[in-house]
N, C-alpha and C. Protein backbone atom coordinates (compact mmCIF):
# COMPACT_ATOMS: atom_id res chain seq x y z
N MET A 1 -62.08 -75.05 3.28
CA MET A 1 -61.65 -73.78 3.82
C MET A 1 -62.88 -72.88 3.99
N SER A 2 -62.90 -72.11 5.06
CA SER A 2 -64.05 -71.25 5.34
C SER A 2 -64.05 -70.05 4.41
N ASP A 3 -65.09 -69.23 4.56
CA ASP A 3 -65.22 -68.03 3.74
C ASP A 3 -64.26 -66.93 4.14
N ALA A 4 -63.67 -67.02 5.33
CA ALA A 4 -62.73 -66.02 5.82
C ALA A 4 -61.65 -66.72 6.63
N SER A 5 -60.50 -66.06 6.70
CA SER A 5 -59.38 -66.57 7.48
C SER A 5 -58.89 -65.49 8.43
N ILE A 6 -58.47 -65.91 9.62
CA ILE A 6 -57.84 -65.00 10.56
C ILE A 6 -56.36 -64.95 10.19
N VAL A 7 -55.88 -63.73 9.94
CA VAL A 7 -54.48 -63.50 9.59
C VAL A 7 -53.91 -62.53 10.61
N THR A 8 -52.84 -62.93 11.29
CA THR A 8 -52.21 -62.02 12.24
C THR A 8 -51.27 -61.09 11.50
N CYS A 9 -51.26 -59.84 11.92
CA CYS A 9 -50.41 -58.82 11.31
C CYS A 9 -48.96 -59.05 11.74
N PRO A 10 -48.02 -59.10 10.78
CA PRO A 10 -46.62 -59.28 11.15
C PRO A 10 -46.02 -58.04 11.82
N HIS A 11 -46.71 -56.91 11.73
CA HIS A 11 -46.20 -55.65 12.28
C HIS A 11 -46.69 -55.41 13.71
N CYS A 12 -48.00 -55.54 13.92
CA CYS A 12 -48.56 -55.21 15.25
C CYS A 12 -49.18 -56.42 15.96
N GLY A 13 -49.33 -57.54 15.26
CA GLY A 13 -49.87 -58.74 15.87
C GLY A 13 -51.40 -58.82 15.91
N ALA A 14 -52.08 -57.80 15.41
CA ALA A 14 -53.55 -57.80 15.43
C ALA A 14 -54.10 -58.93 14.57
N ALA A 15 -55.19 -59.52 15.04
CA ALA A 15 -55.88 -60.56 14.27
C ALA A 15 -56.85 -59.89 13.30
N ASN A 16 -56.75 -60.23 12.03
CA ASN A 16 -57.59 -59.65 10.98
C ASN A 16 -58.38 -60.76 10.30
N ARG A 17 -59.69 -60.58 10.17
CA ARG A 17 -60.52 -61.55 9.44
C ARG A 17 -60.56 -61.09 7.99
N ILE A 18 -60.03 -61.92 7.10
CA ILE A 18 -59.94 -61.59 5.68
C ILE A 18 -60.75 -62.63 4.90
N PRO A 19 -61.68 -62.17 4.03
CA PRO A 19 -62.38 -63.15 3.18
C PRO A 19 -61.35 -63.96 2.38
N THR A 20 -61.51 -65.26 2.39
CA THR A 20 -60.55 -66.15 1.75
C THR A 20 -60.32 -65.76 0.29
N ALA A 21 -61.36 -65.39 -0.40
CA ALA A 21 -61.24 -65.01 -1.81
C ALA A 21 -60.44 -63.72 -2.00
N ARG A 22 -60.24 -62.95 -0.92
CA ARG A 22 -59.54 -61.66 -1.01
C ARG A 22 -58.12 -61.70 -0.45
N LEU A 23 -57.65 -62.87 -0.05
CA LEU A 23 -56.31 -62.97 0.51
C LEU A 23 -55.24 -62.44 -0.45
N GLY A 24 -55.43 -62.63 -1.74
CA GLY A 24 -54.46 -62.19 -2.74
C GLY A 24 -54.62 -60.75 -3.19
N ASP A 25 -55.52 -60.01 -2.55
CA ASP A 25 -55.79 -58.62 -2.94
C ASP A 25 -55.02 -57.60 -2.11
N ASP A 26 -53.83 -57.97 -1.64
CA ASP A 26 -52.98 -57.09 -0.83
C ASP A 26 -53.72 -56.51 0.38
N PRO A 27 -54.28 -57.37 1.25
CA PRO A 27 -55.01 -56.85 2.41
C PRO A 27 -54.09 -56.11 3.38
N LYS A 28 -54.67 -55.15 4.06
CA LYS A 28 -53.95 -54.36 5.06
C LYS A 28 -54.53 -54.63 6.44
N CYS A 29 -53.73 -54.43 7.46
CA CYS A 29 -54.16 -54.62 8.84
C CYS A 29 -55.18 -53.56 9.21
N GLY A 30 -56.27 -53.99 9.84
CA GLY A 30 -57.29 -53.05 10.28
C GLY A 30 -56.82 -52.14 11.39
N LYS A 31 -55.78 -52.55 12.12
CA LYS A 31 -55.30 -51.75 13.25
C LYS A 31 -54.18 -50.79 12.83
N CYS A 32 -53.10 -51.31 12.24
CA CYS A 32 -51.94 -50.46 11.94
C CYS A 32 -51.86 -50.03 10.47
N LYS A 33 -52.75 -50.58 9.64
CA LYS A 33 -52.85 -50.24 8.21
C LYS A 33 -51.65 -50.69 7.37
N GLN A 34 -50.77 -51.51 7.93
CA GLN A 34 -49.63 -52.04 7.18
C GLN A 34 -50.08 -53.26 6.37
N PRO A 35 -49.36 -53.58 5.29
CA PRO A 35 -49.72 -54.78 4.50
C PRO A 35 -49.59 -56.04 5.35
N LEU A 36 -50.55 -56.95 5.20
CA LEU A 36 -50.50 -58.22 5.91
C LEU A 36 -49.50 -59.18 5.27
N PHE A 37 -49.21 -58.99 4.00
CA PHE A 37 -48.25 -59.82 3.28
C PHE A 37 -47.29 -58.91 2.52
N ASN A 38 -46.00 -59.27 2.55
CA ASN A 38 -45.02 -58.47 1.83
C ASN A 38 -43.95 -59.33 1.14
N ALA A 39 -44.24 -60.61 0.97
CA ALA A 39 -43.33 -61.56 0.31
C ALA A 39 -42.01 -61.71 1.04
N HIS A 40 -42.02 -61.48 2.36
CA HIS A 40 -40.85 -61.68 3.21
C HIS A 40 -41.29 -62.45 4.46
N PRO A 41 -40.44 -63.31 4.97
CA PRO A 41 -40.78 -63.98 6.22
C PRO A 41 -40.89 -62.98 7.37
N MET A 42 -41.86 -63.19 8.25
CA MET A 42 -41.94 -62.34 9.43
C MET A 42 -40.98 -62.88 10.48
N VAL A 43 -40.62 -62.04 11.44
CA VAL A 43 -39.69 -62.42 12.49
C VAL A 43 -40.48 -62.77 13.74
N LEU A 44 -40.26 -63.97 14.23
CA LEU A 44 -40.89 -64.41 15.47
C LEU A 44 -39.84 -64.44 16.58
N ASN A 45 -40.32 -64.36 17.82
CA ASN A 45 -39.44 -64.43 18.97
C ASN A 45 -40.17 -65.12 20.11
N ASP A 46 -39.49 -65.28 21.24
CA ASP A 46 -40.10 -65.95 22.38
C ASP A 46 -41.39 -65.25 22.82
N GLY A 47 -41.45 -63.93 22.64
CA GLY A 47 -42.62 -63.18 23.09
C GLY A 47 -43.83 -63.25 22.19
N ASN A 48 -43.64 -63.36 20.86
CA ASN A 48 -44.79 -63.31 19.95
C ASN A 48 -45.09 -64.63 19.25
N PHE A 49 -44.25 -65.63 19.46
CA PHE A 49 -44.40 -66.91 18.75
C PHE A 49 -45.77 -67.54 18.99
N ALA A 50 -46.13 -67.76 20.23
CA ALA A 50 -47.40 -68.45 20.54
C ALA A 50 -48.59 -67.68 20.00
N HIS A 51 -48.57 -66.37 20.10
CA HIS A 51 -49.68 -65.55 19.60
C HIS A 51 -49.91 -65.80 18.11
N HIS A 52 -48.84 -65.69 17.31
CA HIS A 52 -48.99 -65.87 15.86
C HIS A 52 -49.38 -67.30 15.50
N ILE A 53 -48.75 -68.27 16.13
CA ILE A 53 -49.01 -69.68 15.80
C ILE A 53 -50.44 -70.07 16.18
N GLN A 54 -50.92 -69.58 17.31
CA GLN A 54 -52.24 -69.98 17.79
C GLN A 54 -53.38 -69.16 17.19
N LYS A 55 -53.15 -67.90 16.87
CA LYS A 55 -54.23 -67.03 16.38
C LYS A 55 -54.46 -67.14 14.88
N SER A 56 -53.39 -67.32 14.12
CA SER A 56 -53.51 -67.32 12.66
C SER A 56 -54.17 -68.62 12.18
N GLU A 57 -55.09 -68.48 11.27
CA GLU A 57 -55.71 -69.65 10.65
C GLU A 57 -54.95 -70.10 9.41
N LEU A 58 -54.00 -69.31 8.96
CA LEU A 58 -53.16 -69.71 7.83
C LEU A 58 -52.09 -70.67 8.33
N PRO A 59 -51.67 -71.61 7.50
CA PRO A 59 -50.50 -72.41 7.86
C PRO A 59 -49.29 -71.47 7.98
N ILE A 60 -48.42 -71.74 8.94
CA ILE A 60 -47.21 -70.93 9.13
C ILE A 60 -46.01 -71.86 9.09
N LEU A 61 -45.09 -71.56 8.17
CA LEU A 61 -43.84 -72.30 8.06
C LEU A 61 -42.76 -71.51 8.78
N VAL A 62 -42.16 -72.11 9.81
CA VAL A 62 -41.14 -71.43 10.61
C VAL A 62 -39.78 -72.06 10.34
N ASP A 63 -38.82 -71.19 10.06
CA ASP A 63 -37.42 -71.58 9.91
C ASP A 63 -36.73 -71.27 11.24
N PHE A 64 -36.32 -72.33 11.95
CA PHE A 64 -35.56 -72.18 13.18
C PHE A 64 -34.08 -72.16 12.78
N TRP A 65 -33.39 -71.07 13.08
CA TRP A 65 -32.04 -70.84 12.58
C TRP A 65 -31.20 -70.11 13.62
N ALA A 66 -29.91 -69.93 13.31
CA ALA A 66 -29.01 -69.11 14.12
C ALA A 66 -28.01 -68.45 13.19
N PRO A 67 -27.52 -67.27 13.55
CA PRO A 67 -26.63 -66.53 12.65
C PRO A 67 -25.29 -67.23 12.41
N TRP A 68 -24.82 -68.06 13.33
CA TRP A 68 -23.53 -68.73 13.16
C TRP A 68 -23.62 -69.99 12.31
N CYS A 69 -24.84 -70.41 11.95
CA CYS A 69 -25.07 -71.67 11.24
C CYS A 69 -24.91 -71.49 9.73
N GLY A 70 -23.89 -72.14 9.16
CA GLY A 70 -23.65 -72.05 7.72
C GLY A 70 -24.81 -72.53 6.87
N PRO A 71 -25.35 -73.73 7.13
CA PRO A 71 -26.50 -74.20 6.34
C PRO A 71 -27.72 -73.27 6.47
N CYS A 72 -27.89 -72.65 7.65
CA CYS A 72 -29.00 -71.69 7.83
C CYS A 72 -28.82 -70.49 6.91
N ARG A 73 -27.60 -69.96 6.89
CA ARG A 73 -27.31 -68.80 6.03
C ARG A 73 -27.45 -69.18 4.55
N MET A 74 -27.06 -70.41 4.23
CA MET A 74 -27.15 -70.87 2.85
C MET A 74 -28.62 -71.00 2.40
N MET A 75 -29.49 -71.45 3.31
CA MET A 75 -30.90 -71.63 2.96
C MET A 75 -31.69 -70.32 2.99
N ALA A 76 -31.19 -69.29 3.66
CA ALA A 76 -31.94 -68.04 3.86
C ALA A 76 -32.47 -67.41 2.57
N PRO A 77 -31.68 -67.28 1.50
CA PRO A 77 -32.23 -66.69 0.28
C PRO A 77 -33.37 -67.51 -0.34
N ALA A 78 -33.26 -68.82 -0.29
CA ALA A 78 -34.32 -69.69 -0.82
C ALA A 78 -35.59 -69.54 0.02
N PHE A 79 -35.43 -69.45 1.34
CA PHE A 79 -36.58 -69.29 2.22
C PHE A 79 -37.27 -67.95 1.95
N GLU A 80 -36.47 -66.91 1.77
CA GLU A 80 -37.00 -65.58 1.43
C GLU A 80 -37.79 -65.64 0.13
N GLN A 81 -37.24 -66.29 -0.88
CA GLN A 81 -37.91 -66.41 -2.17
C GLN A 81 -39.20 -67.24 -2.03
N ALA A 82 -39.18 -68.27 -1.22
CA ALA A 82 -40.37 -69.11 -1.03
C ALA A 82 -41.52 -68.32 -0.41
N ALA A 83 -41.21 -67.31 0.39
CA ALA A 83 -42.27 -66.48 0.97
C ALA A 83 -43.09 -65.83 -0.13
N GLY A 84 -42.44 -65.34 -1.16
CA GLY A 84 -43.16 -64.73 -2.28
C GLY A 84 -43.96 -65.73 -3.09
N LEU A 85 -43.54 -66.99 -3.08
CA LEU A 85 -44.24 -68.02 -3.84
C LEU A 85 -45.42 -68.62 -3.06
N LEU A 86 -45.34 -68.65 -1.74
CA LEU A 86 -46.38 -69.29 -0.93
C LEU A 86 -47.42 -68.33 -0.37
N GLU A 87 -47.05 -67.06 -0.17
CA GLU A 87 -48.04 -66.10 0.31
C GLU A 87 -49.07 -65.86 -0.78
N PRO A 88 -50.31 -65.62 -0.45
CA PRO A 88 -50.88 -65.35 0.86
C PRO A 88 -51.53 -66.58 1.52
N HIS A 89 -51.31 -67.75 0.98
CA HIS A 89 -51.99 -68.93 1.53
C HIS A 89 -51.18 -69.65 2.61
N VAL A 90 -49.89 -69.34 2.69
CA VAL A 90 -49.02 -69.85 3.74
C VAL A 90 -48.13 -68.69 4.18
N ARG A 91 -48.04 -68.48 5.47
CA ARG A 91 -47.17 -67.42 6.03
C ARG A 91 -45.82 -68.06 6.35
N LEU A 92 -44.72 -67.38 6.03
CA LEU A 92 -43.39 -67.83 6.39
C LEU A 92 -42.84 -66.96 7.50
N ALA A 93 -42.08 -67.57 8.39
CA ALA A 93 -41.52 -66.85 9.53
C ALA A 93 -40.17 -67.44 9.88
N LYS A 94 -39.36 -66.63 10.57
CA LYS A 94 -38.05 -67.07 11.03
C LYS A 94 -37.96 -66.84 12.53
N LEU A 95 -37.30 -67.77 13.23
CA LEU A 95 -37.05 -67.62 14.65
C LEU A 95 -35.58 -67.94 14.92
N ASN A 96 -34.85 -66.94 15.41
CA ASN A 96 -33.44 -67.09 15.74
C ASN A 96 -33.35 -67.84 17.07
N THR A 97 -32.88 -69.08 17.02
CA THR A 97 -32.85 -69.92 18.23
C THR A 97 -31.81 -69.45 19.24
N GLU A 98 -30.80 -68.76 18.78
CA GLU A 98 -29.78 -68.25 19.71
C GLU A 98 -30.36 -67.13 20.58
N ASP A 99 -31.14 -66.24 19.97
CA ASP A 99 -31.75 -65.13 20.70
C ASP A 99 -33.05 -65.52 21.40
N ASN A 100 -33.64 -66.63 21.00
CA ASN A 100 -34.95 -67.06 21.51
C ASN A 100 -34.93 -68.53 21.88
N PRO A 101 -34.19 -68.89 22.93
CA PRO A 101 -34.03 -70.30 23.26
C PRO A 101 -35.27 -70.96 23.87
N ARG A 102 -36.19 -70.18 24.43
CA ARG A 102 -37.35 -70.78 25.10
C ARG A 102 -38.21 -71.57 24.13
N VAL A 103 -38.59 -70.96 23.01
CA VAL A 103 -39.44 -71.66 22.03
C VAL A 103 -38.71 -72.87 21.45
N ALA A 104 -37.44 -72.69 21.11
CA ALA A 104 -36.67 -73.80 20.55
C ALA A 104 -36.61 -74.97 21.54
N SER A 105 -36.46 -74.66 22.82
CA SER A 105 -36.43 -75.70 23.85
C SER A 105 -37.79 -76.38 23.99
N GLN A 106 -38.85 -75.59 24.02
CA GLN A 106 -40.20 -76.15 24.15
C GLN A 106 -40.54 -77.08 23.00
N LEU A 107 -40.05 -76.76 21.80
CA LEU A 107 -40.35 -77.58 20.63
C LEU A 107 -39.30 -78.66 20.37
N ALA A 108 -38.33 -78.76 21.27
CA ALA A 108 -37.27 -79.77 21.18
C ALA A 108 -36.51 -79.68 19.85
N ILE A 109 -36.18 -78.45 19.45
CA ILE A 109 -35.37 -78.26 18.25
C ILE A 109 -33.97 -78.75 18.58
N ARG A 110 -33.52 -79.80 17.91
CA ARG A 110 -32.24 -80.43 18.21
C ARG A 110 -31.15 -80.02 17.22
N SER A 111 -31.56 -79.62 16.02
CA SER A 111 -30.58 -79.21 15.02
C SER A 111 -31.17 -78.06 14.22
N ILE A 112 -30.28 -77.26 13.66
CA ILE A 112 -30.72 -76.16 12.82
C ILE A 112 -29.96 -76.24 11.51
N PRO A 113 -30.56 -75.79 10.43
CA PRO A 113 -31.93 -75.29 10.40
C PRO A 113 -32.94 -76.42 10.55
N THR A 114 -34.07 -76.08 11.09
CA THR A 114 -35.22 -76.96 11.14
C THR A 114 -36.43 -76.16 10.66
N LEU A 115 -37.17 -76.73 9.75
CA LEU A 115 -38.43 -76.13 9.30
C LEU A 115 -39.56 -76.86 10.00
N MET A 116 -40.52 -76.08 10.53
CA MET A 116 -41.73 -76.66 11.12
C MET A 116 -42.93 -75.95 10.50
N LEU A 117 -43.88 -76.74 10.07
CA LEU A 117 -45.12 -76.22 9.50
C LEU A 117 -46.22 -76.38 10.54
N PHE A 118 -46.85 -75.25 10.87
CA PHE A 118 -47.92 -75.22 11.87
C PHE A 118 -49.24 -74.90 11.19
N ARG A 119 -50.29 -75.50 11.72
CA ARG A 119 -51.65 -75.17 11.28
C ARG A 119 -52.55 -75.35 12.49
N GLY A 120 -53.35 -74.32 12.77
CA GLY A 120 -54.24 -74.38 13.92
C GLY A 120 -53.49 -74.54 15.23
N GLY A 121 -52.27 -74.01 15.31
CA GLY A 121 -51.48 -74.09 16.53
C GLY A 121 -50.72 -75.39 16.71
N ASN A 122 -50.87 -76.32 15.78
CA ASN A 122 -50.22 -77.64 15.89
C ASN A 122 -49.17 -77.83 14.82
N VAL A 123 -48.16 -78.63 15.14
CA VAL A 123 -47.14 -78.98 14.16
C VAL A 123 -47.73 -80.00 13.18
N VAL A 124 -47.67 -79.66 11.90
CA VAL A 124 -48.18 -80.54 10.84
C VAL A 124 -47.04 -81.35 10.23
N ALA A 125 -45.87 -80.71 10.13
CA ALA A 125 -44.72 -81.38 9.53
C ALA A 125 -43.44 -80.73 10.04
N GLN A 126 -42.35 -81.51 10.01
CA GLN A 126 -41.06 -81.01 10.47
C GLN A 126 -39.99 -81.52 9.52
N GLN A 127 -39.04 -80.64 9.20
CA GLN A 127 -37.95 -80.97 8.29
C GLN A 127 -36.63 -80.49 8.89
N PRO A 128 -35.82 -81.41 9.46
CA PRO A 128 -34.50 -80.99 9.91
C PRO A 128 -33.56 -80.87 8.71
N GLY A 129 -32.68 -79.90 8.76
CA GLY A 129 -31.72 -79.72 7.68
C GLY A 129 -32.21 -78.75 6.63
N ALA A 130 -31.26 -78.23 5.87
CA ALA A 130 -31.55 -77.19 4.87
C ALA A 130 -32.17 -77.79 3.61
N LEU A 131 -33.14 -77.07 3.07
CA LEU A 131 -33.63 -77.33 1.72
C LEU A 131 -32.96 -76.29 0.84
N ARG A 132 -32.47 -76.69 -0.29
CA ARG A 132 -31.55 -75.84 -1.05
C ARG A 132 -32.19 -74.81 -1.97
N SER A 133 -33.45 -74.99 -2.35
CA SER A 133 -34.05 -74.04 -3.29
C SER A 133 -35.46 -73.67 -2.85
N ALA A 134 -35.91 -72.53 -3.34
CA ALA A 134 -37.27 -72.09 -3.04
C ALA A 134 -38.28 -73.12 -3.54
N ASN A 135 -38.03 -73.69 -4.72
CA ASN A 135 -38.96 -74.68 -5.26
C ASN A 135 -39.02 -75.93 -4.38
N GLU A 136 -37.89 -76.32 -3.81
CA GLU A 136 -37.86 -77.48 -2.92
C GLU A 136 -38.67 -77.18 -1.65
N ILE A 137 -38.56 -75.97 -1.12
CA ILE A 137 -39.33 -75.56 0.06
C ILE A 137 -40.82 -75.56 -0.27
N VAL A 138 -41.17 -74.98 -1.41
CA VAL A 138 -42.58 -74.91 -1.83
C VAL A 138 -43.15 -76.32 -2.00
N ARG A 139 -42.42 -77.21 -2.66
CA ARG A 139 -42.89 -78.59 -2.85
C ARG A 139 -43.11 -79.28 -1.50
N TRP A 140 -42.17 -79.08 -0.58
CA TRP A 140 -42.28 -79.70 0.74
C TRP A 140 -43.53 -79.20 1.45
N VAL A 141 -43.77 -77.91 1.44
CA VAL A 141 -44.95 -77.33 2.11
C VAL A 141 -46.23 -77.81 1.47
N ARG A 142 -46.29 -77.80 0.16
CA ARG A 142 -47.55 -78.13 -0.53
C ARG A 142 -47.98 -79.57 -0.33
N GLN A 143 -47.09 -80.45 0.05
CA GLN A 143 -47.53 -81.82 0.33
C GLN A 143 -48.29 -81.92 1.65
N TYR A 144 -48.23 -80.87 2.47
CA TYR A 144 -48.90 -80.88 3.78
C TYR A 144 -50.07 -79.91 3.91
N VAL A 145 -50.23 -79.02 2.94
CA VAL A 145 -51.36 -78.05 3.03
C VAL A 145 -52.34 -78.29 1.89
């Protein structure tokens, strides 16, 4: 890992260069001054997905979900909790496939929930179906990062 990482702001999308050793020091965005990490998944959509996935040097775990999906709703609390366990070394995000069908179509998301782990703009791992606990999500991610 390099001496610094590019971290995109979940609030304004600005790219921030943060010394790797300082990722855990509650860094703030240089542009909007909001915290770069808040132990919650950020919300992605068709408009900002590519920017965050391609610009961020941190691995990003995306939960592709829909509000009508029972397993998605069941996994949501565990995914939220996993954000607090994996940040600041892995960013978690959610993308509602019903409201944002373009990205889901481009990535050939066939079932939800689907977890996809991205690094350097590329898919590193994919997990169709719900993982039931935050620890299960963390274990799954850590085998790939």
